[in-house]
Amino acid sequence: MSVLRLFLDANVLFLGGYSSSSPVHDLFALARSGRCGLVASGYAIEEARRNLAAKGPADALRAFNEVPADVMLVAEARATALEQATVAAISDPADVPILAAAIQCHADVLVTGDRRAFGRHFRTRLAGVEVLVLRDALRRVVGLPLSDS
């Protein structure tokens, strides 16, 4: 059985620096134990870093700087993946590079809390990438069924 490859959206990465008690740290621990692989693009990492600098607690950037050790950096999306992501018609064009990078790196899951851009796509596949919220991604990694709530 292959290990799930999860692409982390900026808002999920943000949680890594924002709160030491966030469930995203459970996902980091699962990755360290070999239960899944975590990936993100530079675009997602920089967006998370900018948002933490603007909205996070005083020590958020220090905490965030430890997060990338658990996350493999993947290439920014090229034209083909950008076209596939555009066809998916997500509601926020600023998130097209996020979806495109997840498509291009062959992620199994895009983990996001962005309801505005991806809400109508939660628990569906966009160009082969399943879109899940953090709670559902954790359940998928440990082999539990997705909850109804």
Protein backbone atom coordinates (compact mmCIF):
# COMPACT_ATOMS: atom_id res chain seq x y z
CA MET A 1 0.00 0.00 0.00
CA SER A 2 1.40 3.38 -0.95
CA VAL A 3 1.64 6.32 1.42
CA LEU A 4 -0.85 9.13 0.83
CA ARG A 5 0.70 12.32 -0.50
CA LEU A 6 -1.04 15.38 0.96
CA PHE A 7 -0.64 18.88 -0.45
CA LEU A 8 -1.10 21.50 2.29
CA ASP A 9 -2.84 24.75 1.42
CA ALA A 10 -1.53 27.98 2.95
CA ASN A 11 -4.32 28.12 5.53
CA VAL A 12 -3.34 24.68 6.85
CA LEU A 13 0.33 25.64 6.98
CA PHE A 14 -0.71 28.83 8.79
CA LEU A 15 -2.16 26.70 11.59
CA GLY A 16 1.25 25.13 12.16
CA GLY A 17 2.66 28.47 13.28
CA TYR A 18 -0.49 29.93 14.75
CA SER A 19 -1.34 27.24 17.29
CA SER A 20 0.75 24.52 18.88
CA SER A 21 -2.47 22.66 19.73
CA SER A 22 -3.88 22.63 16.19
CA PRO A 23 -4.64 19.18 14.75
CA VAL A 24 -2.24 20.01 11.92
CA HIS A 25 0.52 18.99 14.34
CA ASP A 26 -1.06 15.51 14.42
CA LEU A 27 -0.65 15.43 10.65
CA PHE A 28 3.01 16.46 10.98
CA ALA A 29 3.53 13.63 13.49
CA LEU A 30 1.89 11.13 11.13
CA ALA A 31 4.22 12.28 8.36
CA ARG A 32 7.28 11.92 10.60
CA SER A 33 6.19 8.37 11.40
CA GLY A 34 5.89 7.53 7.69
CA ARG A 35 2.08 7.30 7.58
CA CYS A 36 1.80 10.04 4.92
CA GLY A 37 3.86 12.46 2.91
CA LEU A 38 3.31 16.20 3.17
CA VAL A 39 4.06 18.60 0.34
CA ALA A 40 3.50 22.29 -0.41
CA SER A 41 4.59 24.84 -2.98
CA GLY A 42 6.66 27.92 -2.28
CA TYR A 43 3.54 29.93 -3.16
CA ALA A 44 1.59 28.26 -0.33
CA ILE A 45 4.45 28.57 2.15
CA GLU A 46 4.98 32.26 1.42
CA GLU A 47 1.24 33.00 1.67
CA ALA A 48 1.15 31.30 5.08
CA ARG A 49 4.25 33.21 6.20
CA ARG A 50 2.76 36.58 5.11
CA ASN A 51 -0.53 35.86 6.87
CA LEU A 52 1.23 34.80 10.07
CA ALA A 53 3.32 37.98 10.06
CA ALA A 54 0.14 40.04 9.68
CA LYS A 55 -2.30 38.09 11.88
CA GLY A 56 -0.40 35.65 14.06
CA PRO A 57 0.78 35.86 17.67
CA ALA A 58 4.26 37.22 18.40
CA ASP A 59 6.02 33.83 18.24
CA ALA A 60 4.09 32.55 15.20
CA LEU A 61 6.88 33.01 12.66
CA ARG A 62 9.38 31.23 14.90
CA ALA A 63 6.96 28.30 15.26
CA PHE A 64 6.20 28.36 11.54
CA ASN A 65 9.88 28.13 10.63
CA GLU A 66 9.89 24.63 12.16
CA VAL A 67 6.94 23.50 9.99
CA PRO A 68 8.71 23.25 6.61
CA ALA A 69 10.99 20.53 8.01
CA ASP A 70 7.94 18.22 7.88
CA VAL A 71 6.82 19.40 4.44
CA MET A 72 8.56 18.69 1.15
CA LEU A 73 8.72 21.66 -1.23
CA VAL A 74 7.32 20.94 -4.71
CA ALA A 75 7.69 22.93 -7.91
CA GLU A 76 5.35 25.73 -8.82
CA ALA A 77 2.74 24.71 -11.37
CA ARG A 78 3.44 24.92 -15.07
CA ALA A 79 0.97 25.77 -17.85
CA THR A 80 -0.64 22.33 -18.21
CA ALA A 81 -1.47 22.02 -14.51
CA LEU A 82 -2.62 25.66 -14.38
CA GLU A 83 -5.03 24.92 -17.24
CA GLN A 84 -6.39 21.85 -15.44
CA ALA A 85 -6.89 23.86 -12.26
CA THR A 86 -8.61 26.68 -14.14
CA VAL A 87 -11.06 24.22 -15.70
CA ALA A 88 -12.02 23.06 -12.18
CA ALA A 89 -13.65 26.49 -11.74
CA ILE A 90 -12.79 27.12 -8.12
CA SER A 91 -14.33 30.35 -6.90
CA ASP A 92 -11.13 32.23 -6.02
CA PRO A 93 -8.63 32.64 -8.89
CA ALA A 94 -5.87 33.29 -6.32
CA ASP A 95 -6.14 29.61 -5.34
CA VAL A 96 -5.63 28.26 -8.87
CA PRO A 97 -1.83 27.99 -8.30
CA ILE A 98 -2.49 25.97 -5.13
CA LEU A 99 -4.70 23.44 -6.89
CA ALA A 100 -2.42 23.41 -9.93
CA ALA A 101 0.66 22.60 -7.83
CA ALA A 102 -1.27 19.78 -6.11
CA ILE A 103 -2.26 18.41 -9.53
CA GLN A 104 1.24 18.71 -10.95
CA CYS A 105 2.95 16.92 -8.06
CA HIS A 106 0.36 14.12 -8.19
CA ALA A 107 -0.90 14.73 -4.66
CA ASP A 108 -3.60 12.34 -3.53
CA VAL A 109 -5.24 14.96 -1.33
CA LEU A 110 -5.38 18.76 -1.15
CA VAL A 111 -5.83 19.67 2.52
CA THR A 112 -7.53 23.04 2.84
CA GLY A 113 -9.86 24.96 5.09
CA ASP A 114 -10.70 27.48 2.38
CA ARG A 115 -14.46 27.19 2.13
CA ARG A 116 -14.76 30.15 -0.22
CA ALA A 117 -12.53 28.68 -2.93
CA PHE A 118 -12.98 24.95 -2.34
CA GLY A 119 -16.09 24.49 -0.17
CA ARG A 120 -18.34 23.10 -2.88
CA HIS A 121 -15.54 20.68 -3.83
CA PHE A 122 -14.89 19.21 -0.37
CA ARG A 123 -14.83 15.40 -0.55
CA THR A 124 -14.70 15.44 -4.34
CA ARG A 125 -11.84 15.08 -6.78
CA LEU A 126 -10.52 17.88 -8.95
CA ALA A 127 -8.27 16.61 -11.74
CA GLY A 128 -7.54 13.51 -9.65
CA VAL A 129 -6.84 15.33 -6.36
CA GLU A 130 -9.28 14.75 -3.49
CA VAL A 131 -10.15 17.97 -1.64
CA LEU A 132 -10.47 17.50 2.13
CA VAL A 133 -10.58 19.61 5.25
CA LEU A 134 -7.92 18.86 7.87
CA ARG A 135 -10.18 16.66 10.02
CA ASP A 136 -11.09 14.49 7.03
CA ALA A 137 -7.47 14.30 5.88
CA LEU A 138 -6.42 13.02 9.31
CA ARG A 139 -9.17 10.40 9.19
CA ARG A 140 -8.12 9.36 5.66
CA VAL A 141 -4.46 8.95 6.73
CA VAL A 142 -5.29 6.75 9.73
CA GLY A 143 -7.81 4.69 7.74
CA LEU A 144 -11.03 5.86 9.38
CA PRO A 145 -14.18 6.64 7.43
CA LEU A 146 -14.93 10.30 6.88
CA SER A 147 -17.36 11.68 9.45
CA ASP A 148 -20.80 12.95 8.54
CA SER A 149 -20.30 16.33 10.20
